[in-house]
Amino acid sequence: MDAPAAVAPAATGRLADAPATGRPAADAPIPQALCSAPTGAAVTVGDRCVCGCRAKGAHAVGRPGPRHAGPATPTEPATPSGTGRAVGAYPLVVDAGAGTGRHLAAVLAALPDAVGLALDVSKPALRRAARAHPRAAAALADTWRRLPLADGSVAVLLDVFAPRNGAEFRRVLHPAGVLLVVTPAEDHLAELVDALGLLKVDPDKADRVAGSLADHFDQAAESVLRARLELTAPEVATLVGMGPSARHTDPAVLAARIAALPEPVGVTLAVRLGVYRPR
């Protein structure tokens, strides 16, 4: 399922600026990327940052952090940052629980040498995900079951607001690969939670996520990204409909509460990004 940031065209903040679409010429100077991620959190494949910050020079959200290590030369094989081990000339990026493929498309746009695969249990979502990017494909797969991927075939595995299958993620991820897990922070959508009576984020969620992966992964870094969104009532309805609260609240009651909100509605987007390396 897409994260809430994807449903707000009127949002004033984004997790990352639009990435570059091409690789610099071999003889062109390649500046280092300035990223808001803390030391160790930045993940690169070849000379590209997975977060896409290389295109603009800095994240749109969060205070600037330390610079990444110098980029690889254009002739080097694609390698996740800090490993020194190649994962293939055309690294595979997989989004488990990809929804419509919006996040996968953003990562592929930042990594011109990569190919992508969207996995989800929703056929309508996969039909959109298959068209999300020219280098993306889509396949029907349940994250809780065996994934349709060879052992060690994945360079970057995305899990955005989706179930986490530690054992299966470890099987398909290359030893030099990286798992990126995005979950809601404690204050995610706090204004809507209070006004609409939505389900609150479990305060122990971060520990539970880390614990579910501990047998197969080591956590390399963690950061919290925040942005301020300004949403219309229809956007709020779409946003709430994407989450679990839609299944636990009477639709008529929820609609009435949304209609009573002032417009635009100021909403806090707060997500936790965990970077994991396979054991």
C-alpha atoms as a PDB file:
ATOM      1  CA  MET A   1       0.000   0.000   0.000  1.00  0.00           C
ATOM      2  CA  ASP A   2       1.281   3.475  -0.807  1.00  0.00           C
ATOM      3  CA  ALA A   3       2.414   5.598   2.098  1.00  0.00           C
ATOM      4  CA  PRO A   4       0.284   8.657   2.904  1.00  0.00           C
ATOM      5  CA  ALA A   5       2.704  11.060   1.217  1.00  0.00           C
ATOM      6  CA  ALA A   6       1.572   9.705  -2.129  1.00  0.00           C
ATOM      7  CA  VAL A   7      -2.021  10.922  -1.882  1.00  0.00           C
ATOM      8  CA  ALA A   8      -1.467  14.601  -1.271  1.00  0.00           C
ATOM      9  CA  PRO A   9      -0.804  16.579  -4.456  1.00  0.00           C
ATOM     10  CA  ALA A  10      -1.229  19.779  -2.466  1.00  0.00           C
ATOM     11  CA  ALA A  11       1.418  18.774   0.085  1.00  0.00           C
ATOM     12  CA  THR A  12       3.979  21.366   1.067  1.00  0.00           C
ATOM     13  CA  GLY A  13       6.685  18.806   1.883  1.00  0.00           C
ATOM     14  CA  ARG A  14       8.058  15.696   0.210  1.00  0.00           C
ATOM     15  CA  LEU A  15      10.348  12.974   1.448  1.00  0.00           C
ATOM     16  CA  ALA A  16      12.823  13.699  -1.325  1.00  0.00           C
ATOM     17  CA  ASP A  17      13.089  15.974  -4.310  1.00  0.00           C
ATOM     18  CA  ALA A  18      12.639  14.546  -7.788  1.00  0.00           C
ATOM     19  CA  PRO A  19      15.791  12.583  -8.692  1.00  0.00           C
ATOM     20  CA  ALA A  20      17.969  12.937 -11.740  1.00  0.00           C
ATOM     21  CA  THR A  21      17.072  10.927 -14.823  1.00  0.00           C
ATOM     22  CA  GLY A  22      20.507  10.343 -16.324  1.00  0.00           C
ATOM     23  CA  ARG A  23      24.134   9.627 -15.490  1.00  0.00           C
ATOM     24  CA  PRO A  24      26.781  12.359 -15.875  1.00  0.00           C
ATOM     25  CA  ALA A  25      29.304  12.023 -18.659  1.00  0.00           C
ATOM     26  CA  ALA A  26      32.411  10.058 -17.731  1.00  0.00           C
ATOM     27  CA  ASP A  27      34.623  13.138 -17.924  1.00  0.00           C
ATOM     28  CA  ALA A  28      32.214  15.413 -16.057  1.00  0.00           C
ATOM     29  CA  PRO A  29      32.918  16.307 -12.421  1.00  0.00           C
ATOM     30  CA  ILE A  30      30.538  14.458 -10.121  1.00  0.00           C
ATOM     31  CA  PRO A  31      29.847  16.360  -6.894  1.00  0.00           C
ATOM     32  CA  GLN A  32      29.266  14.520  -3.660  1.00  0.00           C
ATOM     33  CA  ALA A  33      25.655  14.368  -2.495  1.00  0.00           C
ATOM     34  CA  LEU A  34      24.456  16.241   0.567  1.00  0.00           C
ATOM     35  CA  CYS A  35      21.904  14.114   2.395  1.00  0.00           C
ATOM     36  CA  SER A  36      19.822  14.663   5.537  1.00  0.00           C
ATOM     37  CA  ALA A  37      20.227  11.022   6.527  1.00  0.00           C
ATOM     38  CA  PRO A  38      22.510  10.429   9.528  1.00  0.00           C
ATOM     39  CA  THR A  39      25.892   8.781   9.122  1.00  0.00           C
ATOM     40  CA  GLY A  40      25.415   5.244   7.842  1.00  0.00           C
ATOM     41  CA  ALA A  41      21.820   5.780   6.748  1.00  0.00           C
ATOM     42  CA  ALA A  42      22.597   6.900   3.203  1.00  0.00           C
ATOM     43  CA  VAL A  43      22.368   3.972   0.786  1.00  0.00           C
ATOM     44  CA  THR A  44      23.879   4.137  -2.679  1.00  0.00           C
ATOM     45  CA  VAL A  45      23.965   1.875  -5.696  1.00  0.00           C
ATOM     46  CA  GLY A  46      26.858   2.840  -7.925  1.00  0.00           C
ATOM     47  CA  ASP A  47      27.048   6.635  -7.782  1.00  0.00           C
ATOM     48  CA  ARG A  48      23.392   7.171  -6.943  1.00  0.00           C
ATOM     49  CA  CYS A  49      21.720   7.615  -3.579  1.00  0.00           C
ATOM     50  CA  VAL A  50      18.617   5.472  -3.154  1.00  0.00           C
ATOM     51  CA  CYS A  51      16.846   8.413  -1.522  1.00  0.00           C
ATOM     52  CA  GLY A  52      17.245  10.481  -4.697  1.00  0.00           C
ATOM     53  CA  CYS A  53      18.874  13.434  -2.957  1.00  0.00           C
ATOM     54  CA  ARG A  54      21.735  13.538  -5.508  1.00  0.00           C
ATOM     55  CA  ALA A  55      19.594  15.377  -8.058  1.00  0.00           C
ATOM     56  CA  LYS A  56      18.955  18.470  -5.948  1.00  0.00           C
ATOM     57  CA  GLY A  57      21.906  18.272  -3.595  1.00  0.00           C
ATOM     58  CA  ALA A  58      19.826  17.876  -0.430  1.00  0.00           C
ATOM     59  CA  HIS A  59      16.666  16.340   0.959  1.00  0.00           C
ATOM     60  CA  ALA A  60      13.512  18.451   0.944  1.00  0.00           C
ATOM     61  CA  VAL A  61      12.807  17.270   4.479  1.00  0.00           C
ATOM     62  CA  GLY A  62      15.069  17.237   7.530  1.00  0.00           C
ATOM     63  CA  ARG A  63      18.182  19.155   8.424  1.00  0.00           C
ATOM     64  CA  PRO A  64      21.246  18.609   6.222  1.00  0.00           C
ATOM     65  CA  GLY A  65      23.510  15.851   7.471  1.00  0.00           C
ATOM     66  CA  PRO A  66      27.000  14.632   6.567  1.00  0.00           C
ATOM     67  CA  ARG A  67      28.041  14.064   2.993  1.00  0.00           C
ATOM     68  CA  HIS A  68      28.039  10.604   1.500  1.00  0.00           C
ATOM     69  CA  ALA A  69      31.318   8.983   0.658  1.00  0.00           C
ATOM     70  CA  GLY A  70      32.579   9.923  -2.785  1.00  0.00           C
ATOM     71  CA  PRO A  71      30.587   8.362  -5.624  1.00  0.00           C
ATOM     72  CA  ALA A  72      31.764   5.452  -7.715  1.00  0.00           C
ATOM     73  CA  THR A  73      33.075   6.096 -11.186  1.00  0.00           C
ATOM     74  CA  PRO A  74      30.650   5.390 -14.055  1.00  0.00           C
ATOM     75  CA  THR A  75      32.524   2.213 -14.997  1.00  0.00           C
ATOM     76  CA  GLU A  76      32.199   0.566 -11.573  1.00  0.00           C
ATOM     77  CA  PRO A  77      29.560  -2.109 -10.989  1.00  0.00           C
ATOM     78  CA  ALA A  78      26.549  -1.188  -8.898  1.00  0.00           C
ATOM     79  CA  THR A  79      27.345  -1.699  -5.227  1.00  0.00           C
ATOM     80  CA  PRO A  80      25.382  -0.846  -2.079  1.00  0.00           C
ATOM     81  CA  SER A  81      27.258   1.787  -0.089  1.00  0.00           C
ATOM     82  CA  GLY A  82      30.014   0.597   2.211  1.00  0.00           C
ATOM     83  CA  THR A  83      30.102  -3.043   1.109  1.00  0.00           C
ATOM     84  CA  GLY A  84      32.642  -3.076  -1.695  1.00  0.00           C
ATOM     85  CA  ARG A  85      30.926  -6.110  -3.213  1.00  0.00           C
ATOM     86  CA  ALA A  86      29.156  -5.890  -6.546  1.00  0.00           C
ATOM     87  CA  VAL A  87      25.534  -7.000  -6.822  1.00  0.00           C
ATOM     88  CA  GLY A  88      25.317  -6.999 -10.607  1.00  0.00           C
ATOM     89  CA  ALA A  89      25.575  -4.613 -13.537  1.00  0.00           C
ATOM     90  CA  TYR A  90      21.789  -4.205 -13.490  1.00  0.00           C
ATOM     91  CA  PRO A  91      20.853  -4.388  -9.797  1.00  0.00           C
ATOM     92  CA  LEU A  92      17.342  -5.478  -8.890  1.00  0.00           C
ATOM     93  CA  VAL A  93      15.199  -3.261  -6.655  1.00  0.00           C
ATOM     94  CA  VAL A  94      12.162  -5.027  -5.192  1.00  0.00           C
ATOM     95  CA  ASP A  95       9.257  -3.358  -3.394  1.00  0.00           C
ATOM     96  CA  ALA A  96       7.402  -5.847  -1.181  1.00  0.00           C
ATOM     97  CA  GLY A  97       3.829  -4.645  -0.776  1.00  0.00           C
ATOM     98  CA  ALA A  98       4.371  -2.101  -3.523  1.00  0.00           C
ATOM     99  CA  GLY A  99       0.786  -1.001  -4.089  1.00  0.00           C
ATOM    100  CA  THR A 100       0.709   1.146  -7.223  1.00  0.00           C
ATOM    101  CA  GLY A 101       4.522   1.243  -7.467  1.00  0.00           C
ATOM    102  CA  ARG A 102       4.994   4.920  -6.652  1.00  0.00           C
ATOM    103  CA  HIS A 103       7.907   4.373  -4.286  1.00  0.00           C
ATOM    104  CA  LEU A 104       9.584   1.840  -6.547  1.00  0.00           C
ATOM    105  CA  ALA A 105       9.365   4.265  -9.466  1.00  0.00           C
ATOM    106  CA  ALA A 106      11.030   7.005  -7.427  1.00  0.00           C
ATOM    107  CA  VAL A 107      13.937   4.743  -6.502  1.00  0.00           C
ATOM    108  CA  LEU A 108      14.375   3.543 -10.083  1.00  0.00           C
ATOM    109  CA  ALA A 109      14.428   7.140 -11.282  1.00  0.00           C
ATOM    110  CA  ALA A 110      17.334   7.734  -8.891  1.00  0.00           C
ATOM    111  CA  LEU A 111      19.154   4.570 -10.015  1.00  0.00           C
ATOM    112  CA  PRO A 112      19.447   4.570 -13.825  1.00  0.00           C
ATOM    113  CA  ASP A 113      21.280   1.218 -13.875  1.00  0.00           C
ATOM    114  CA  ALA A 114      18.678  -0.642 -11.821  1.00  0.00           C
ATOM    115  CA  VAL A 115      15.580  -2.646 -12.734  1.00  0.00           C
ATOM    116  CA  GLY A 116      12.595  -3.055 -10.449  1.00  0.00           C
ATOM    117  CA  LEU A 117       9.910  -5.513  -9.431  1.00  0.00           C
ATOM    118  CA  ALA A 118       6.704  -4.614  -7.583  1.00  0.00           C
ATOM    119  CA  LEU A 119       5.174  -7.360  -5.427  1.00  0.00           C
ATOM    120  CA  ASP A 120       1.655  -7.150  -4.019  1.00  0.00           C
ATOM    121  CA  VAL A 121      -1.487  -9.215  -3.449  1.00  0.00           C
ATOM    122  CA  SER A 122      -3.742  -6.685  -5.188  1.00  0.00           C
ATOM    123  CA  LYS A 123      -4.201  -7.263  -8.916  1.00  0.00           C
ATOM    124  CA  PRO A 124      -5.627  -3.758  -9.594  1.00  0.00           C
ATOM    125  CA  ALA A 125      -2.634  -2.191  -7.811  1.00  0.00           C
ATOM    126  CA  LEU A 126      -0.201  -4.367  -9.751  1.00  0.00           C
ATOM    127  CA  ARG A 127      -1.705  -3.317 -13.065  1.00  0.00           C
ATOM    128  CA  ARG A 128      -0.776   0.253 -12.162  1.00  0.00           C
ATOM    129  CA  ALA A 129       2.597  -0.737 -10.718  1.00  0.00           C
ATOM    130  CA  ALA A 130       3.542  -2.453 -13.976  1.00  0.00           C
ATOM    131  CA  ARG A 131       3.200   0.945 -15.695  1.00  0.00           C
ATOM    132  CA  ALA A 132       4.799   2.992 -12.921  1.00  0.00           C
ATOM    133  CA  HIS A 133       8.249   3.065 -14.548  1.00  0.00           C
ATOM    134  CA  PRO A 134       9.753   1.809 -17.838  1.00  0.00           C
ATOM    135  CA  ARG A 135      12.208  -0.402 -15.932  1.00  0.00           C
ATOM    136  CA  ALA A 136       9.613  -1.861 -13.544  1.00  0.00           C
ATOM    137  CA  ALA A 137       7.667  -5.107 -13.695  1.00  0.00           C
ATOM    138  CA  ALA A 138       5.013  -6.449 -11.327  1.00  0.00           C
ATOM    139  CA  ALA A 139       4.142  -9.848  -9.898  1.00  0.00           C
ATOM    140  CA  LEU A 140       1.398 -11.195  -7.664  1.00  0.00           C
ATOM    141  CA  ALA A 141       2.953 -12.341  -4.392  1.00  0.00           C
ATOM    142  CA  ASP A 142       2.031 -12.677  -0.731  1.00  0.00           C
ATOM    143  CA  THR A 143       4.806 -11.308   1.476  1.00  0.00           C
ATOM    144  CA  TRP A 144       4.076 -13.971   4.088  1.00  0.00           C
ATOM    145  CA  ARG A 145       4.793 -16.757   1.597  1.00  0.00           C
ATOM    146  CA  ARG A 146       7.812 -17.663  -0.519  1.00  0.00           C
ATOM    147  CA  LEU A 147       8.631 -14.796  -2.860  1.00  0.00           C
ATOM    148  CA  PRO A 148       9.044 -15.474  -6.617  1.00  0.00           C
ATOM    149  CA  LEU A 149      12.738 -14.565  -6.521  1.00  0.00           C
ATOM    150  CA  ALA A 150      16.005 -16.462  -6.622  1.00  0.00           C
ATOM    151  CA  ASP A 151      18.248 -16.635  -3.582  1.00  0.00           C
ATOM    152  CA  GLY A 152      20.468 -13.554  -3.230  1.00  0.00           C
ATOM    153  CA  SER A 153      19.050 -11.866  -6.329  1.00  0.00           C
ATOM    154  CA  VAL A 154      17.951  -8.524  -4.836  1.00  0.00           C
ATOM    155  CA  ALA A 155      20.208  -5.493  -4.362  1.00  0.00           C
ATOM    156  CA  VAL A 156      17.679  -3.204  -2.630  1.00  0.00           C
ATOM    157  CA  LEU A 157      14.521  -4.430  -0.916  1.00  0.00           C
ATOM    158  CA  LEU A 158      11.865  -1.862  -0.005  1.00  0.00           C
ATOM    159  CA  ASP A 159       9.192  -2.387   2.622  1.00  0.00           C
ATOM    160  CA  VAL A 160       6.973   0.681   2.987  1.00  0.00           C
ATOM    161  CA  PHE A 161       4.079   0.316   5.428  1.00  0.00           C
ATOM    162  CA  ALA A 162       3.925  -3.371   4.520  1.00  0.00           C
ATOM    163  CA  PRO A 163       4.292  -6.739   6.293  1.00  0.00           C
ATOM    164  CA  ARG A 164       7.853  -7.892   7.002  1.00  0.00           C
ATOM    165  CA  ASN A 165       8.954 -11.477   6.426  1.00  0.00           C
ATOM    166  CA  GLY A 166      12.475 -11.527   7.852  1.00  0.00           C
ATOM    167  CA  ALA A 167      13.424 -15.038   6.774  1.00  0.00           C
ATOM    168  CA  GLU A 168      12.213 -14.616   3.206  1.00  0.00           C
ATOM    169  CA  PHE A 169      13.677 -11.124   2.883  1.00  0.00           C
ATOM    170  CA  ARG A 170      17.047 -12.517   3.968  1.00  0.00           C
ATOM    171  CA  ARG A 171      16.836 -15.370   1.452  1.00  0.00           C
ATOM    172  CA  VAL A 172      16.275 -13.143  -1.573  1.00  0.00           C
ATOM    173  CA  LEU A 173      18.595 -10.303  -0.556  1.00  0.00           C
ATOM    174  CA  HIS A 174      22.172 -10.352  -1.820  1.00  0.00           C
ATOM    175  CA  PRO A 175      24.809 -10.504   0.951  1.00  0.00           C
ATOM    176  CA  ALA A 176      25.869  -6.997  -0.112  1.00  0.00           C
ATOM    177  CA  GLY A 177      22.281  -5.770  -0.386  1.00  0.00           C
ATOM    178  CA  VAL A 178      20.208  -3.541   1.843  1.00  0.00           C
ATOM    179  CA  LEU A 179      16.692  -3.697   3.290  1.00  0.00           C
ATOM    180  CA  LEU A 180      14.886  -0.354   3.735  1.00  0.00           C
ATOM    181  CA  VAL A 181      11.878  -0.449   6.068  1.00  0.00           C
ATOM    182  CA  VAL A 182       9.510   2.519   6.411  1.00  0.00           C
ATOM    183  CA  THR A 183       7.007   2.575   9.274  1.00  0.00           C
ATOM    184  CA  PRO A 184       4.891   5.326  10.876  1.00  0.00           C
ATOM    185  CA  ALA A 185       6.481   7.304  13.712  1.00  0.00           C
ATOM    186  CA  GLU A 186       4.565   7.993  16.909  1.00  0.00           C
ATOM    187  CA  ASP A 187       3.281  11.401  15.750  1.00  0.00           C
ATOM    188  CA  HIS A 188       2.357  10.295  12.223  1.00  0.00           C
ATOM    189  CA  LEU A 189      -0.937  11.954  11.220  1.00  0.00           C
ATOM    190  CA  ALA A 190      -1.377  13.057  14.849  1.00  0.00           C
ATOM    191  CA  GLU A 191      -3.865  15.792  13.955  1.00  0.00           C
ATOM    192  CA  LEU A 192      -6.152  13.355  12.154  1.00  0.00           C
ATOM    193  CA  VAL A 193      -5.846  10.736  14.875  1.00  0.00           C
ATOM    194  CA  ASP A 194      -7.169  13.184  17.444  1.00  0.00           C
ATOM    195  CA  ALA A 195      -9.824  14.838  15.278  1.00  0.00           C
ATOM    196  CA  LEU A 196     -11.200  11.705  13.628  1.00  0.00           C
ATOM    197  CA  GLY A 197     -10.683   9.152  16.371  1.00  0.00           C
ATOM    198  CA  LEU A 198      -8.274   7.038  14.312  1.00  0.00           C
ATOM    199  CA  LEU A 199      -6.092   4.205  15.561  1.00  0.00           C
ATOM    200  CA  LYS A 200      -2.891   5.403  17.193  1.00  0.00           C
ATOM    201  CA  VAL A 201       0.585   4.172  16.321  1.00  0.00           C
ATOM    202  CA  ASP A 202       1.819   1.612  18.813  1.00  0.00           C
ATOM    203  CA  PRO A 203       4.542   3.351  20.883  1.00  0.00           C
ATOM    204  CA  ASP A 204       6.505   0.089  20.839  1.00  0.00           C
ATOM    205  CA  LYS A 205       6.256  -0.324  17.072  1.00  0.00           C
ATOM    206  CA  ALA A 206       9.920   0.505  16.367  1.00  0.00           C
ATOM    207  CA  ASP A 207      11.072  -2.160  18.820  1.00  0.00           C
ATOM    208  CA  ARG A 208       8.643  -4.696  17.382  1.00  0.00           C
ATOM    209  CA  VAL A 209       9.849  -4.035  13.831  1.00  0.00           C
ATOM    210  CA  ALA A 210      13.491  -4.409  14.827  1.00  0.00           C
ATOM    211  CA  GLY A 211      12.679  -7.557  16.783  1.00  0.00           C
ATOM    212  CA  SER A 212      10.878  -9.149  13.844  1.00  0.00           C
ATOM    213  CA  LEU A 213      14.026  -8.804  11.718  1.00  0.00           C
ATOM    214  CA  ALA A 214      16.681  -9.452  14.376  1.00  0.00           C
ATOM    215  CA  ASP A 215      17.233 -13.113  13.502  1.00  0.00           C
ATOM    216  CA  HIS A 216      18.231 -12.271   9.941  1.00  0.00           C
ATOM    217  CA  PHE A 217      19.368  -8.630   9.816  1.00  0.00           C
ATOM    218  CA  ASP A 218      21.467  -6.101  11.677  1.00  0.00           C
ATOM    219  CA  GLN A 219      20.119  -2.569  11.858  1.00  0.00           C
ATOM    220  CA  ALA A 220      22.708  -0.226  10.349  1.00  0.00           C
ATOM    221  CA  ALA A 221      20.888   3.073  10.871  1.00  0.00           C
ATOM    222  CA  GLU A 222      17.570   4.661  11.677  1.00  0.00           C
ATOM    223  CA  SER A 223      16.153   8.125  11.053  1.00  0.00           C
ATOM    224  CA  VAL A 224      12.811   9.892  11.318  1.00  0.00           C
ATOM    225  CA  LEU A 225      11.615  12.031   8.410  1.00  0.00           C
ATOM    226  CA  ARG A 226       8.911  14.647   8.913  1.00  0.00           C
ATOM    227  CA  ALA A 227       6.949  16.964   6.642  1.00  0.00           C
ATOM    228  CA  ARG A 228       3.916  19.196   6.915  1.00  0.00           C
ATOM    229  CA  LEU A 229       1.021  18.464   4.580  1.00  0.00           C
ATOM    230  CA  GLU A 230      -1.905  20.748   3.737  1.00  0.00           C
ATOM    231  CA  LEU A 231      -4.798  18.544   2.638  1.00  0.00           C
ATOM    232  CA  THR A 232      -8.307  19.024   1.316  1.00  0.00           C
ATOM    233  CA  ALA A 233     -11.210  17.032   2.757  1.00  0.00           C
ATOM    234  CA  PRO A 234     -11.203  14.562  -0.195  1.00  0.00           C
ATOM    235  CA  GLU A 235      -7.463  14.028   0.276  1.00  0.00           C
ATOM    236  CA  VAL A 236      -8.016  13.354   3.965  1.00  0.00           C
ATOM    237  CA  ALA A 237     -10.692  10.803   3.078  1.00  0.00           C
ATOM    238  CA  THR A 238      -8.320   9.081   0.655  1.00  0.00           C
ATOM    239  CA  LEU A 239      -5.507   9.121   3.185  1.00  0.00           C
ATOM    240  CA  VAL A 240      -7.628   7.634   5.950  1.00  0.00           C
ATOM    241  CA  GLY A 241      -9.065   5.068   3.545  1.00  0.00           C
ATOM    242  CA  MET A 242      -5.574   3.721   2.910  1.00  0.00           C
ATOM    243  CA  GLY A 243      -4.950   2.898   6.559  1.00  0.00           C
ATOM    244  CA  PRO A 244      -6.298   0.397   9.083  1.00  0.00           C
ATOM    245  CA  SER A 245      -8.630   2.935  10.709  1.00  0.00           C
ATOM    246  CA  ALA A 246     -10.930   2.744   7.689  1.00  0.00           C
ATOM    247  CA  ARG A 247     -11.767  -0.831   8.685  1.00  0.00           C
ATOM    248  CA  HIS A 248     -12.374   0.038  12.341  1.00  0.00           C
ATOM    249  CA  THR A 249     -14.541   3.170  12.053  1.00  0.00           C
ATOM    250  CA  ASP A 250     -18.149   3.506  10.901  1.00  0.00           C
ATOM    251  CA  PRO A 251     -18.016   5.047   7.388  1.00  0.00           C
ATOM    252  CA  ALA A 252     -20.857   7.486   8.041  1.00  0.00           C
ATOM    253  CA  VAL A 253     -19.321   8.675  11.303  1.00  0.00           C
ATOM    254  CA  LEU A 254     -15.929   9.051   9.672  1.00  0.00           C
ATOM    255  CA  ALA A 255     -17.356  11.018   6.738  1.00  0.00           C
ATOM    256  CA  ALA A 256     -19.139  13.399   9.107  1.00  0.00           C
ATOM    257  CA  ARG A 257     -15.966  14.004  11.083  1.00  0.00           C
ATOM    258  CA  ILE A 258     -13.979  14.709   7.922  1.00  0.00           C
ATOM    259  CA  ALA A 259     -16.633  17.129   6.675  1.00  0.00           C
ATOM    260  CA  ALA A 260     -16.353  19.073   9.927  1.00  0.00           C
ATOM    261  CA  LEU A 261     -12.617  19.660   9.508  1.00  0.00           C
ATOM    262  CA  PRO A 262     -11.407  23.098   8.397  1.00  0.00           C
ATOM    263  CA  GLU A 263      -9.732  23.301   4.994  1.00  0.00           C
ATOM    264  CA  PRO A 264      -6.946  22.982   4.313  1.00  0.00           C
ATOM    265  CA  VAL A 265      -6.145  20.482   7.061  1.00  0.00           C
ATOM    266  CA  GLY A 266      -2.621  20.708   8.440  1.00  0.00           C
ATOM    267  CA  VAL A 267      -1.260  17.196   8.936  1.00  0.00           C
ATOM    268  CA  THR A 268       2.091  15.926  10.200  1.00  0.00           C
ATOM    269  CA  LEU A 269       3.767  13.265   8.081  1.00  0.00           C
ATOM    270  CA  ALA A 270       6.272  11.382  10.247  1.00  0.00           C
ATOM    271  CA  VAL A 271       7.881   8.129   9.158  1.00  0.00           C
ATOM    272  CA  ARG A 272      10.731   6.066  10.538  1.00  0.00           C
ATOM    273  CA  LEU A 273      13.309   4.730   8.067  1.00  0.00           C
ATOM    274  CA  GLY A 274      15.283   1.678   9.160  1.00  0.00           C
ATOM    275  CA  VAL A 275      18.327   0.544   7.187  1.00  0.00           C
ATOM    276  CA  TYR A 276      19.138  -3.152   7.602  1.00  0.00           C
ATOM    277  CA  ARG A 277      22.034  -5.299   6.407  1.00  0.00           C
ATOM    278  CA  PRO A 278      21.739  -9.089   6.078  1.00  0.00           C
ATOM    279  CA  ARG A 279      23.613 -11.228   8.578  1.00  0.00           C
END
